[in-house]
Amino acid sequence: MTAVSLGFDLSLIDLHDSGFEERTSCYVFHEPKKAIIETSASPSVPFLLEGLKELQIQPEEIDYVIVTHIHLDHAGGAGLFLESCPNAKLVVHPKGARHLADPSRLIASAKMVYGEAFDELFDPIVPVPKERIIEMEDGGELDLGGRILRFIHTPGHANHHFSIWDEKSAGVFTGDTAGIQYAQLTGTESGLLMPTTSPNQFDPQLMKQSIEKIMSFHPERLFFSHYGMNEQPEQAVKMVLNWLDVYMHILEKNNKVEEIETVLMQKVRGQLERAGVEADHPVYELLSIDLRVSAQGMIHYKEKQHSK
């Protein structure tokens, strides 16, 4: 099964991002106007279409494709997916819209980060016609036929990021602003949530402010793009914020990506081993990817501060 019901007339489709299960979520709203949140990259589009098929939804029925931000693991497949959804509009942050209409800079930036792995991970990136793009302002709303989604701009991970408040589920779809939930450890004593501080717009103070903004809605649950639902939001964001402080402390003492990546992995391994997680647990493969990208973003942030 690619799709599972979460209740609240809401389903989750596992997009098998980069070949990993439980890595990137697509959320599907079962309302008179049908909407999804996140497409992941183009190689995930077949899993998205298969998930919709399992939910007995035709792509022609989709009215809105929402992306929390334009990083390729969230929106890279939007253009390709829209080719299967002739009636859908793309909902995106105003600062991200032009990059989905003309993804040339997005592609160049990703190639700098991912190098030779770019094609396998992200190709093709299809432009989205401008007339199919809705730019969603801070506080803007989308009516799915009685179910109102409210959009809140939440920078910190990226300047082109919004999160989405959904009163029906009493939940916020957090994208990457409130961190990553490692679903491989969910439901165990070693549950793990960490910030994601990828290049090139990471800002720790904005991230903290945005998390505070998310929590001002008093959500009963958070829906993470990576990955799944969490029904202990206070506990979840506390862990993310604690790790964010650890990240910044490490950044004060280190000036190289490799150093930061190594120290971070040592600290995470130490915590997980104390919680009984085996040294060869598959979660470490994901962590090695994420911590390298986060270390790159941390160094980029430090360099920007020094250049001011």
C-alpha atoms as a PDB file:
ATOM      1  CA  MET A   1       0.000   0.000   0.000  1.00  0.00           C
ATOM      2  CA  THR A   2       1.210   3.458  -0.922  1.00  0.00           C
ATOM      3  CA  ALA A   3      -1.727   5.335   0.683  1.00  0.00           C
ATOM      4  CA  VAL A   4      -3.086   5.240   4.247  1.00  0.00           C
ATOM      5  CA  SER A   5      -5.994   7.033   5.930  1.00  0.00           C
ATOM      6  CA  LEU A   6      -5.201   9.393   8.801  1.00  0.00           C
ATOM      7  CA  GLY A   7      -8.818  10.236   9.670  1.00  0.00           C
ATOM      8  CA  PHE A   8     -10.217  13.760   9.275  1.00  0.00           C
ATOM      9  CA  ASP A   9     -10.972  13.014   5.577  1.00  0.00           C
ATOM     10  CA  LEU A  10      -7.224  13.045   5.065  1.00  0.00           C
ATOM     11  CA  SER A  11      -4.844  10.464   3.611  1.00  0.00           C
ATOM     12  CA  LEU A  12      -1.091  10.112   3.354  1.00  0.00           C
ATOM     13  CA  ILE A  13       0.731   8.822   0.279  1.00  0.00           C
ATOM     14  CA  ASP A  14       4.316   7.613   0.692  1.00  0.00           C
ATOM     15  CA  LEU A  15       6.251   9.216  -2.152  1.00  0.00           C
ATOM     16  CA  HIS A  16       9.309   6.941  -1.791  1.00  0.00           C
ATOM     17  CA  ASP A  17      11.560   9.966  -2.105  1.00  0.00           C
ATOM     18  CA  SER A  18      15.070   8.993  -3.328  1.00  0.00           C
ATOM     19  CA  GLY A  19      14.063   5.349  -3.043  1.00  0.00           C
ATOM     20  CA  PHE A  20      13.384   5.510   0.703  1.00  0.00           C
ATOM     21  CA  GLU A  21      10.117   4.462   2.304  1.00  0.00           C
ATOM     22  CA  GLU A  22       8.619   6.839   4.889  1.00  0.00           C
ATOM     23  CA  ARG A  23      10.779   9.701   3.687  1.00  0.00           C
ATOM     24  CA  THR A  24       8.438  12.270   2.096  1.00  0.00           C
ATOM     25  CA  SER A  25       4.676  12.504   2.647  1.00  0.00           C
ATOM     26  CA  CYS A  26       1.986  13.652   0.273  1.00  0.00           C
ATOM     27  CA  TYR A  27      -1.232  14.621   2.082  1.00  0.00           C
ATOM     28  CA  VAL A  28      -4.557  14.237   0.278  1.00  0.00           C
ATOM     29  CA  PHE A  29      -7.740  16.095   1.270  1.00  0.00           C
ATOM     30  CA  HIS A  30     -10.986  14.252   0.513  1.00  0.00           C
ATOM     31  CA  GLU A  31     -13.279  17.234   0.023  1.00  0.00           C
ATOM     32  CA  PRO A  32     -15.579  18.567  -2.753  1.00  0.00           C
ATOM     33  CA  LYS A  33     -12.477  20.339  -4.069  1.00  0.00           C
ATOM     34  CA  LYS A  34      -9.601  17.920  -3.859  1.00  0.00           C
ATOM     35  CA  ALA A  35      -6.141  19.057  -2.899  1.00  0.00           C
ATOM     36  CA  ILE A  36      -2.767  17.545  -2.134  1.00  0.00           C
ATOM     37  CA  ILE A  37       0.253  18.876  -0.246  1.00  0.00           C
ATOM     38  CA  GLU A  38       3.739  18.057  -1.670  1.00  0.00           C
ATOM     39  CA  THR A  39       4.711  16.135  -4.803  1.00  0.00           C
ATOM     40  CA  SER A  40       8.368  15.414  -3.976  1.00  0.00           C
ATOM     41  CA  ALA A  41      10.716  15.132  -6.970  1.00  0.00           C
ATOM     42  CA  SER A  42       9.762  13.817 -10.409  1.00  0.00           C
ATOM     43  CA  PRO A  43      10.862  10.204  -9.698  1.00  0.00           C
ATOM     44  CA  SER A  44       8.165  10.177  -6.976  1.00  0.00           C
ATOM     45  CA  VAL A  45       5.328  11.077  -9.347  1.00  0.00           C
ATOM     46  CA  PRO A  46       4.552   7.404 -10.250  1.00  0.00           C
ATOM     47  CA  PHE A  47       4.105   6.670  -6.522  1.00  0.00           C
ATOM     48  CA  LEU A  48       1.845   9.709  -6.189  1.00  0.00           C
ATOM     49  CA  LEU A  49      -0.305   8.572  -9.109  1.00  0.00           C
ATOM     50  CA  GLU A  50      -0.443   5.023  -7.724  1.00  0.00           C
ATOM     51  CA  GLY A  51      -1.480   6.363  -4.306  1.00  0.00           C
ATOM     52  CA  LEU A  52      -4.300   8.372  -5.845  1.00  0.00           C
ATOM     53  CA  LYS A  53      -5.409   5.260  -7.717  1.00  0.00           C
ATOM     54  CA  GLU A  54      -5.547   3.361  -4.415  1.00  0.00           C
ATOM     55  CA  LEU A  55      -7.694   6.188  -3.025  1.00  0.00           C
ATOM     56  CA  GLN A  56      -9.924   5.974  -6.112  1.00  0.00           C
ATOM     57  CA  ILE A  57      -9.121   9.545  -7.104  1.00  0.00           C
ATOM     58  CA  GLN A  58      -8.537  10.396 -10.735  1.00  0.00           C
ATOM     59  CA  PRO A  59      -5.793  12.975 -11.431  1.00  0.00           C
ATOM     60  CA  GLU A  60      -8.419  14.994 -13.334  1.00  0.00           C
ATOM     61  CA  GLU A  61     -10.275  15.432 -10.027  1.00  0.00           C
ATOM     62  CA  ILE A  62      -7.415  17.269  -8.342  1.00  0.00           C
ATOM     63  CA  ASP A  63      -8.151  20.998  -7.970  1.00  0.00           C
ATOM     64  CA  TYR A  64      -5.078  22.155  -6.061  1.00  0.00           C
ATOM     65  CA  VAL A  65      -1.474  21.018  -5.765  1.00  0.00           C
ATOM     66  CA  ILE A  66       0.113  22.741  -2.772  1.00  0.00           C
ATOM     67  CA  VAL A  67       3.857  22.842  -2.133  1.00  0.00           C
ATOM     68  CA  THR A  68       5.128  24.155   1.209  1.00  0.00           C
ATOM     69  CA  HIS A  69       8.307  25.435  -0.474  1.00  0.00           C
ATOM     70  CA  ILE A  70      10.195  24.946  -3.696  1.00  0.00           C
ATOM     71  CA  HIS A  71      13.047  22.673  -2.599  1.00  0.00           C
ATOM     72  CA  LEU A  72      13.086  19.812  -5.067  1.00  0.00           C
ATOM     73  CA  ASP A  73      12.185  17.071  -2.572  1.00  0.00           C
ATOM     74  CA  HIS A  74       8.901  18.944  -2.061  1.00  0.00           C
ATOM     75  CA  ALA A  75       8.109  20.606  -5.379  1.00  0.00           C
ATOM     76  CA  GLY A  76      10.511  19.230  -7.977  1.00  0.00           C
ATOM     77  CA  GLY A  77       7.840  16.937  -9.413  1.00  0.00           C
ATOM     78  CA  ALA A  78       5.060  19.541  -9.445  1.00  0.00           C
ATOM     79  CA  GLY A  79       5.389  20.413 -13.130  1.00  0.00           C
ATOM     80  CA  LEU A  80       5.492  16.783 -14.210  1.00  0.00           C
ATOM     81  CA  PHE A  81       2.544  15.870 -11.969  1.00  0.00           C
ATOM     82  CA  LEU A  82       0.460  18.775 -13.274  1.00  0.00           C
ATOM     83  CA  GLU A  83       0.722  17.299 -16.763  1.00  0.00           C
ATOM     84  CA  SER A  84      -1.530  14.504 -15.440  1.00  0.00           C
ATOM     85  CA  CYS A  85      -3.869  16.952 -13.666  1.00  0.00           C
ATOM     86  CA  PRO A  86      -5.357  19.248 -16.316  1.00  0.00           C
ATOM     87  CA  ASN A  87      -7.746  20.950 -13.885  1.00  0.00           C
ATOM     88  CA  ALA A  88      -5.318  21.625 -11.044  1.00  0.00           C
ATOM     89  CA  LYS A  89      -3.694  24.873  -9.969  1.00  0.00           C
ATOM     90  CA  LEU A  90      -0.371  25.026  -8.125  1.00  0.00           C
ATOM     91  CA  VAL A  91      -0.379  26.885  -4.792  1.00  0.00           C
ATOM     92  CA  VAL A  92       3.033  28.235  -3.770  1.00  0.00           C
ATOM     93  CA  HIS A  93       4.690  30.981  -1.712  1.00  0.00           C
ATOM     94  CA  PRO A  94       5.033  34.236  -3.713  1.00  0.00           C
ATOM     95  CA  LYS A  95       8.835  34.070  -3.414  1.00  0.00           C
ATOM     96  CA  GLY A  96       8.875  30.618  -4.990  1.00  0.00           C
ATOM     97  CA  ALA A  97       6.418  31.054  -7.858  1.00  0.00           C
ATOM     98  CA  ARG A  98       8.824  32.383 -10.497  1.00  0.00           C
ATOM     99  CA  HIS A  99      11.272  29.550  -9.860  1.00  0.00           C
ATOM    100  CA  LEU A 100       8.633  26.939 -10.639  1.00  0.00           C
ATOM    101  CA  ALA A 101       7.597  28.814 -13.777  1.00  0.00           C
ATOM    102  CA  ASP A 102      11.263  28.999 -14.811  1.00  0.00           C
ATOM    103  CA  PRO A 103      13.222  26.365 -12.854  1.00  0.00           C
ATOM    104  CA  SER A 104      16.632  27.115 -14.402  1.00  0.00           C
ATOM    105  CA  ARG A 105      18.089  28.682 -11.240  1.00  0.00           C
ATOM    106  CA  LEU A 106      16.524  25.946  -9.118  1.00  0.00           C
ATOM    107  CA  ILE A 107      18.224  23.313 -11.263  1.00  0.00           C
ATOM    108  CA  ALA A 108      21.604  25.089 -11.159  1.00  0.00           C
ATOM    109  CA  SER A 109      21.424  25.447  -7.368  1.00  0.00           C
ATOM    110  CA  ALA A 110      20.529  21.784  -6.867  1.00  0.00           C
ATOM    111  CA  LYS A 111      23.336  20.635  -9.156  1.00  0.00           C
ATOM    112  CA  MET A 112      25.795  22.551  -6.965  1.00  0.00           C
ATOM    113  CA  VAL A 113      24.564  20.638  -3.900  1.00  0.00           C
ATOM    114  CA  TYR A 114      23.955  17.181  -5.392  1.00  0.00           C
ATOM    115  CA  GLY A 115      26.449  17.047  -8.277  1.00  0.00           C
ATOM    116  CA  GLU A 116      26.369  13.876 -10.361  1.00  0.00           C
ATOM    117  CA  ALA A 117      23.440  12.494  -8.354  1.00  0.00           C
ATOM    118  CA  PHE A 118      21.145  15.267  -9.634  1.00  0.00           C
ATOM    119  CA  ASP A 119      19.660  13.414 -12.635  1.00  0.00           C
ATOM    120  CA  GLU A 120      18.843  10.264 -10.691  1.00  0.00           C
ATOM    121  CA  LEU A 121      17.286  12.202  -7.816  1.00  0.00           C
ATOM    122  CA  PHE A 122      15.399  14.976  -9.594  1.00  0.00           C
ATOM    123  CA  ASP A 123      15.208  14.776 -13.390  1.00  0.00           C
ATOM    124  CA  PRO A 124      13.069  15.977 -15.134  1.00  0.00           C
ATOM    125  CA  ILE A 125      12.075  19.341 -13.666  1.00  0.00           C
ATOM    126  CA  VAL A 126       9.173  20.576 -15.791  1.00  0.00           C
ATOM    127  CA  PRO A 127       8.219  24.287 -15.821  1.00  0.00           C
ATOM    128  CA  VAL A 128       4.758  25.138 -14.483  1.00  0.00           C
ATOM    129  CA  PRO A 129       2.707  27.458 -16.741  1.00  0.00           C
ATOM    130  CA  LYS A 130       2.325  30.845 -15.034  1.00  0.00           C
ATOM    131  CA  GLU A 131      -1.445  30.833 -15.532  1.00  0.00           C
ATOM    132  CA  ARG A 132      -1.687  27.696 -13.389  1.00  0.00           C
ATOM    133  CA  ILE A 133       0.129  29.214 -10.394  1.00  0.00           C
ATOM    134  CA  ILE A 134      -1.597  30.725  -7.352  1.00  0.00           C
ATOM    135  CA  GLU A 135       0.696  32.810  -5.133  1.00  0.00           C
ATOM    136  CA  MET A 136      -0.493  32.473  -1.537  1.00  0.00           C
ATOM    137  CA  GLU A 137       0.086  35.442   0.732  1.00  0.00           C
ATOM    138  CA  ASP A 138       0.580  35.233   4.497  1.00  0.00           C
ATOM    139  CA  GLY A 139      -2.824  34.672   6.072  1.00  0.00           C
ATOM    140  CA  GLY A 140      -4.372  33.658   2.756  1.00  0.00           C
ATOM    141  CA  GLU A 141      -7.074  30.999   2.668  1.00  0.00           C
ATOM    142  CA  LEU A 142      -8.130  28.229   0.321  1.00  0.00           C
ATOM    143  CA  ASP A 143     -11.683  26.868   0.428  1.00  0.00           C
ATOM    144  CA  LEU A 144     -11.950  23.181  -0.461  1.00  0.00           C
ATOM    145  CA  GLY A 145     -15.737  23.303  -0.284  1.00  0.00           C
ATOM    146  CA  GLY A 146     -16.332  24.057   3.384  1.00  0.00           C
ATOM    147  CA  ARG A 147     -12.886  23.051   4.604  1.00  0.00           C
ATOM    148  CA  ILE A 148     -10.686  26.134   4.868  1.00  0.00           C
ATOM    149  CA  LEU A 149      -6.914  25.904   4.724  1.00  0.00           C
ATOM    150  CA  ARG A 150      -5.078  28.920   6.133  1.00  0.00           C
ATOM    151  CA  PHE A 151      -1.550  29.680   4.965  1.00  0.00           C
ATOM    152  CA  ILE A 152       1.099  31.125   7.260  1.00  0.00           C
ATOM    153  CA  HIS A 153       4.493  32.245   6.006  1.00  0.00           C
ATOM    154  CA  THR A 154       7.134  30.418   8.022  1.00  0.00           C
ATOM    155  CA  PRO A 155      10.712  31.273   7.002  1.00  0.00           C
ATOM    156  CA  GLY A 156      13.773  29.868   8.733  1.00  0.00           C
ATOM    157  CA  HIS A 157      14.315  26.773   6.621  1.00  0.00           C
ATOM    158  CA  ALA A 158      13.667  28.752   3.438  1.00  0.00           C
ATOM    159  CA  ASN A 159      12.338  32.240   2.675  1.00  0.00           C
ATOM    160  CA  HIS A 160       9.832  30.749   0.218  1.00  0.00           C
ATOM    161  CA  HIS A 161       8.162  28.549   2.843  1.00  0.00           C
ATOM    162  CA  PHE A 162       4.633  28.490   4.202  1.00  0.00           C
ATOM    163  CA  SER A 163       2.878  26.153   6.602  1.00  0.00           C
ATOM    164  CA  ILE A 164      -0.843  25.373   6.553  1.00  0.00           C
ATOM    165  CA  TRP A 165      -3.385  25.418   9.381  1.00  0.00           C
ATOM    166  CA  ASP A 166      -6.318  23.026   8.941  1.00  0.00           C
ATOM    167  CA  GLU A 167      -9.077  23.483  11.500  1.00  0.00           C
ATOM    168  CA  LYS A 168     -10.823  20.202  10.593  1.00  0.00           C
ATOM    169  CA  SER A 169      -7.849  18.146  11.748  1.00  0.00           C
ATOM    170  CA  ALA A 170      -6.702  20.764  14.266  1.00  0.00           C
ATOM    171  CA  GLY A 171      -3.327  20.338  12.638  1.00  0.00           C
ATOM    172  CA  VAL A 172      -0.554  22.263  10.939  1.00  0.00           C
ATOM    173  CA  PHE A 173       1.266  20.991   7.860  1.00  0.00           C
ATOM    174  CA  THR A 174       4.747  22.128   8.727  1.00  0.00           C
ATOM    175  CA  GLY A 175       6.799  21.396   5.597  1.00  0.00           C
ATOM    176  CA  ASP A 176      10.407  21.593   6.812  1.00  0.00           C
ATOM    177  CA  THR A 177      10.191  24.606   9.143  1.00  0.00           C
ATOM    178  CA  ALA A 178       9.506  22.522  12.262  1.00  0.00           C
ATOM    179  CA  GLY A 179      12.002  19.842  11.344  1.00  0.00           C
ATOM    180  CA  ILE A 180      12.131  16.220  10.254  1.00  0.00           C
ATOM    181  CA  GLN A 181      10.362  13.348  11.988  1.00  0.00           C
ATOM    182  CA  TYR A 182      12.233  10.091  11.445  1.00  0.00           C
ATOM    183  CA  ALA A 183       9.298   7.754  10.982  1.00  0.00           C
ATOM    184  CA  GLN A 184      11.603   4.732  11.199  1.00  0.00           C
ATOM    185  CA  LEU A 185      11.816   5.452  14.944  1.00  0.00           C
ATOM    186  CA  THR A 186       8.242   6.667  15.544  1.00  0.00           C
ATOM    187  CA  GLY A 187       6.418   4.794  18.259  1.00  0.00           C
ATOM    188  CA  THR A 188       9.608   3.724  20.013  1.00  0.00           C
ATOM    189  CA  GLU A 189      11.326   5.186  23.055  1.00  0.00           C
ATOM    190  CA  SER A 190      13.943   6.532  20.679  1.00  0.00           C
ATOM    191  CA  GLY A 191      11.640   8.767  18.619  1.00  0.00           C
ATOM    192  CA  LEU A 192      13.721  11.372  16.807  1.00  0.00           C
ATOM    193  CA  LEU A 193      12.852  14.804  15.416  1.00  0.00           C
ATOM    194  CA  MET A 194      15.563  17.191  14.238  1.00  0.00           C
ATOM    195  CA  PRO A 195      15.815  20.556  12.492  1.00  0.00           C
ATOM    196  CA  THR A 196      16.659  20.663   8.819  1.00  0.00           C
ATOM    197  CA  THR A 197      19.027  23.522   8.076  1.00  0.00           C
ATOM    198  CA  SER A 198      19.820  23.080   4.402  1.00  0.00           C
ATOM    199  CA  PRO A 199      21.366  25.814   2.216  1.00  0.00           C
ATOM    200  CA  ASN A 200      20.992  28.560   1.432  1.00  0.00           C
ATOM    201  CA  GLN A 201      18.380  30.429   3.467  1.00  0.00           C
ATOM    202  CA  PHE A 202      18.619  28.769   6.879  1.00  0.00           C
ATOM    203  CA  ASP A 203      18.181  31.273   9.706  1.00  0.00           C
ATOM    204  CA  PRO A 204      17.916  29.953  13.282  1.00  0.00           C
ATOM    205  CA  GLN A 205      16.104  32.963  14.706  1.00  0.00           C
ATOM    206  CA  LEU A 206      13.519  32.986  11.913  1.00  0.00           C
ATOM    207  CA  MET A 207      13.078  29.224  12.377  1.00  0.00           C
ATOM    208  CA  LYS A 208      12.353  29.683  16.080  1.00  0.00           C
ATOM    209  CA  GLN A 209       9.914  32.521  15.354  1.00  0.00           C
ATOM    210  CA  SER A 210       8.130  30.435  12.736  1.00  0.00           C
ATOM    211  CA  ILE A 211       7.812  27.457  15.082  1.00  0.00           C
ATOM    212  CA  GLU A 212       6.330  29.815  17.668  1.00  0.00           C
ATOM    213  CA  LYS A 213       3.901  31.055  15.011  1.00  0.00           C
ATOM    214  CA  ILE A 214       2.889  27.466  14.205  1.00  0.00           C
ATOM    215  CA  MET A 215       2.313  26.679  17.881  1.00  0.00           C
ATOM    216  CA  SER A 216       0.219  29.842  18.352  1.00  0.00           C
ATOM    217  CA  PHE A 217      -2.584  27.935  16.607  1.00  0.00           C
ATOM    218  CA  HIS A 218      -2.513  25.421  19.496  1.00  0.00           C
ATOM    219  CA  PRO A 219      -2.425  22.472  17.105  1.00  0.00           C
ATOM    220  CA  GLU A 220      -3.401  19.044  18.353  1.00  0.00           C
ATOM    221  CA  ARG A 221      -1.191  17.425  15.730  1.00  0.00           C
ATOM    222  CA  LEU A 222       1.551  18.274  13.275  1.00  0.00           C
ATOM    223  CA  PHE A 223       1.862  16.841   9.782  1.00  0.00           C
ATOM    224  CA  PHE A 224       5.492  16.607   8.728  1.00  0.00           C
ATOM    225  CA  SER A 225       6.507  16.476   5.095  1.00  0.00           C
ATOM    226  CA  HIS A 226       9.317  14.246   6.379  1.00  0.00           C
ATOM    227  CA  TYR A 227       7.392  12.173   7.577  1.00  0.00           C
ATOM    228  CA  GLY A 228       3.887  11.588   8.872  1.00  0.00           C
ATOM    229  CA  MET A 229       1.540  12.767  11.604  1.00  0.00           C
ATOM    230  CA  ASN A 230       2.587  13.558  15.183  1.00  0.00           C
ATOM    231  CA  GLU A 231      -0.048  13.937  17.898  1.00  0.00           C
ATOM    232  CA  GLN A 232       2.321  15.332  20.548  1.00  0.00           C
ATOM    233  CA  PRO A 233       3.163  18.709  19.021  1.00  0.00           C
ATOM    234  CA  GLU A 234       4.570  20.343  22.164  1.00  0.00           C
ATOM    235  CA  GLN A 235       6.957  17.460  22.714  1.00  0.00           C
ATOM    236  CA  ALA A 236       7.872  17.368  19.029  1.00  0.00           C
ATOM    237  CA  VAL A 237       8.844  21.018  18.703  1.00  0.00           C
ATOM    238  CA  LYS A 238      10.674  20.932  22.032  1.00  0.00           C
ATOM    239  CA  MET A 239      12.957  18.222  20.656  1.00  0.00           C
ATOM    240  CA  VAL A 240      13.514  20.124  17.410  1.00  0.00           C
ATOM    241  CA  LEU A 241      14.321  23.362  19.266  1.00  0.00           C
ATOM    242  CA  ASN A 242      16.691  21.560  21.642  1.00  0.00           C
ATOM    243  CA  TRP A 243      18.575  20.110  18.696  1.00  0.00           C
ATOM    244  CA  LEU A 244      18.631  23.517  17.008  1.00  0.00           C
ATOM    245  CA  ASP A 245      20.469  24.882  20.045  1.00  0.00           C
ATOM    246  CA  VAL A 246      22.914  21.968  19.785  1.00  0.00           C
ATOM    247  CA  TYR A 247      23.446  22.735  16.087  1.00  0.00           C
ATOM    248  CA  MET A 248      24.280  26.365  16.816  1.00  0.00           C
ATOM    249  CA  HIS A 249      26.641  25.453  19.652  1.00  0.00           C
ATOM    250  CA  ILE A 250      28.493  23.088  17.300  1.00  0.00           C
ATOM    251  CA  LEU A 251      28.592  25.793  14.622  1.00  0.00           C
ATOM    252  CA  GLU A 252      30.331  28.195  17.036  1.00  0.00           C
ATOM    253  CA  LYS A 253      33.246  25.774  17.411  1.00  0.00           C
ATOM    254  CA  ASN A 254      33.583  24.386  13.868  1.00  0.00           C
ATOM    255  CA  ASN A 255      34.190  25.942  10.475  1.00  0.00           C
ATOM    256  CA  LYS A 256      34.045  23.013   8.058  1.00  0.00           C
ATOM    257  CA  VAL A 257      31.113  20.987   6.764  1.00  0.00           C
ATOM    258  CA  GLU A 258      32.894  17.692   7.464  1.00  0.00           C
ATOM    259  CA  GLU A 259      33.637  18.653  11.064  1.00  0.00           C
ATOM    260  CA  ILE A 260      30.051  19.668  11.777  1.00  0.00           C
ATOM    261  CA  GLU A 261      28.666  16.563  10.095  1.00  0.00           C
ATOM    262  CA  THR A 262      30.951  14.316  12.153  1.00  0.00           C
ATOM    263  CA  VAL A 263      30.172  15.953  15.496  1.00  0.00           C
ATOM    264  CA  LEU A 264      26.434  15.973  14.806  1.00  0.00           C
ATOM    265  CA  MET A 265      26.428  12.285  13.897  1.00  0.00           C
ATOM    266  CA  GLN A 266      28.383  11.454  17.051  1.00  0.00           C
ATOM    267  CA  LYS A 267      25.814  13.258  19.192  1.00  0.00           C
ATOM    268  CA  VAL A 268      22.825  11.652  17.443  1.00  0.00           C
ATOM    269  CA  ARG A 269      24.391   8.190  17.585  1.00  0.00           C
ATOM    270  CA  GLY A 270      25.095   8.649  21.259  1.00  0.00           C
ATOM    271  CA  GLN A 271      21.476   9.531  22.001  1.00  0.00           C
ATOM    272  CA  LEU A 272      20.061   6.705  19.895  1.00  0.00           C
ATOM    273  CA  GLU A 273      22.450   4.091  21.242  1.00  0.00           C
ATOM    274  CA  ARG A 274      21.489   5.042  24.793  1.00  0.00           C
ATOM    275  CA  ALA A 275      17.874   4.495  23.720  1.00  0.00           C
ATOM    276  CA  GLY A 276      18.730   1.020  22.424  1.00  0.00           C
ATOM    277  CA  VAL A 277      18.856   1.709  18.671  1.00  0.00           C
ATOM    278  CA  GLU A 278      21.187  -0.737  16.921  1.00  0.00           C
ATOM    279  CA  ALA A 279      24.346   0.684  15.343  1.00  0.00           C
ATOM    280  CA  ASP A 280      23.294  -0.609  11.910  1.00  0.00           C
ATOM    281  CA  HIS A 281      19.716   0.694  12.037  1.00  0.00           C
ATOM    282  CA  PRO A 282      18.606   1.968   8.579  1.00  0.00           C
ATOM    283  CA  VAL A 283      17.769   5.390  10.035  1.00  0.00           C
ATOM    284  CA  TYR A 284      21.495   6.179   9.976  1.00  0.00           C
ATOM    285  CA  GLU A 285      21.533   6.140   6.179  1.00  0.00           C
ATOM    286  CA  LEU A 286      18.954   8.933   6.160  1.00  0.00           C
ATOM    287  CA  LEU A 287      20.735  10.791   8.940  1.00  0.00           C
ATOM    288  CA  SER A 288      24.015  10.740   7.042  1.00  0.00           C
ATOM    289  CA  ILE A 289      22.296  12.426   4.086  1.00  0.00           C
ATOM    290  CA  ASP A 290      20.415  14.955   6.181  1.00  0.00           C
ATOM    291  CA  LEU A 291      23.288  15.926   8.453  1.00  0.00           C
ATOM    292  CA  ARG A 292      25.595  16.614   5.530  1.00  0.00           C
ATOM    293  CA  VAL A 293      23.024  18.918   3.897  1.00  0.00           C
ATOM    294  CA  SER A 294      22.254  20.567   7.246  1.00  0.00           C
ATOM    295  CA  ALA A 295      25.973  21.115   7.889  1.00  0.00           C
ATOM    296  CA  GLN A 296      26.264  22.818   4.506  1.00  0.00           C
ATOM    297  CA  GLY A 297      23.402  25.138   5.424  1.00  0.00           C
ATOM    298  CA  MET A 298      24.937  25.903   8.815  1.00  0.00           C
ATOM    299  CA  ILE A 299      28.276  26.887   7.268  1.00  0.00           C
ATOM    300  CA  HIS A 300      26.486  29.014   4.668  1.00  0.00           C
ATOM    301  CA  TYR A 301      24.629  30.815   7.465  1.00  0.00           C
ATOM    302  CA  LYS A 302      27.889  31.395   9.365  1.00  0.00           C
ATOM    303  CA  GLU A 303      29.607  32.802   6.281  1.00  0.00           C
ATOM    304  CA  LYS A 304      26.697  35.189   5.688  1.00  0.00           C
ATOM    305  CA  GLN A 305      26.924  36.430   9.278  1.00  0.00           C
ATOM    306  CA  HIS A 306      30.656  37.064   8.957  1.00  0.00           C
ATOM    307  CA  SER A 307      30.205  38.967   5.706  1.00  0.00           C
ATOM    308  CA  LYS A 308      27.740  41.443   7.214  1.00  0.00           C
END
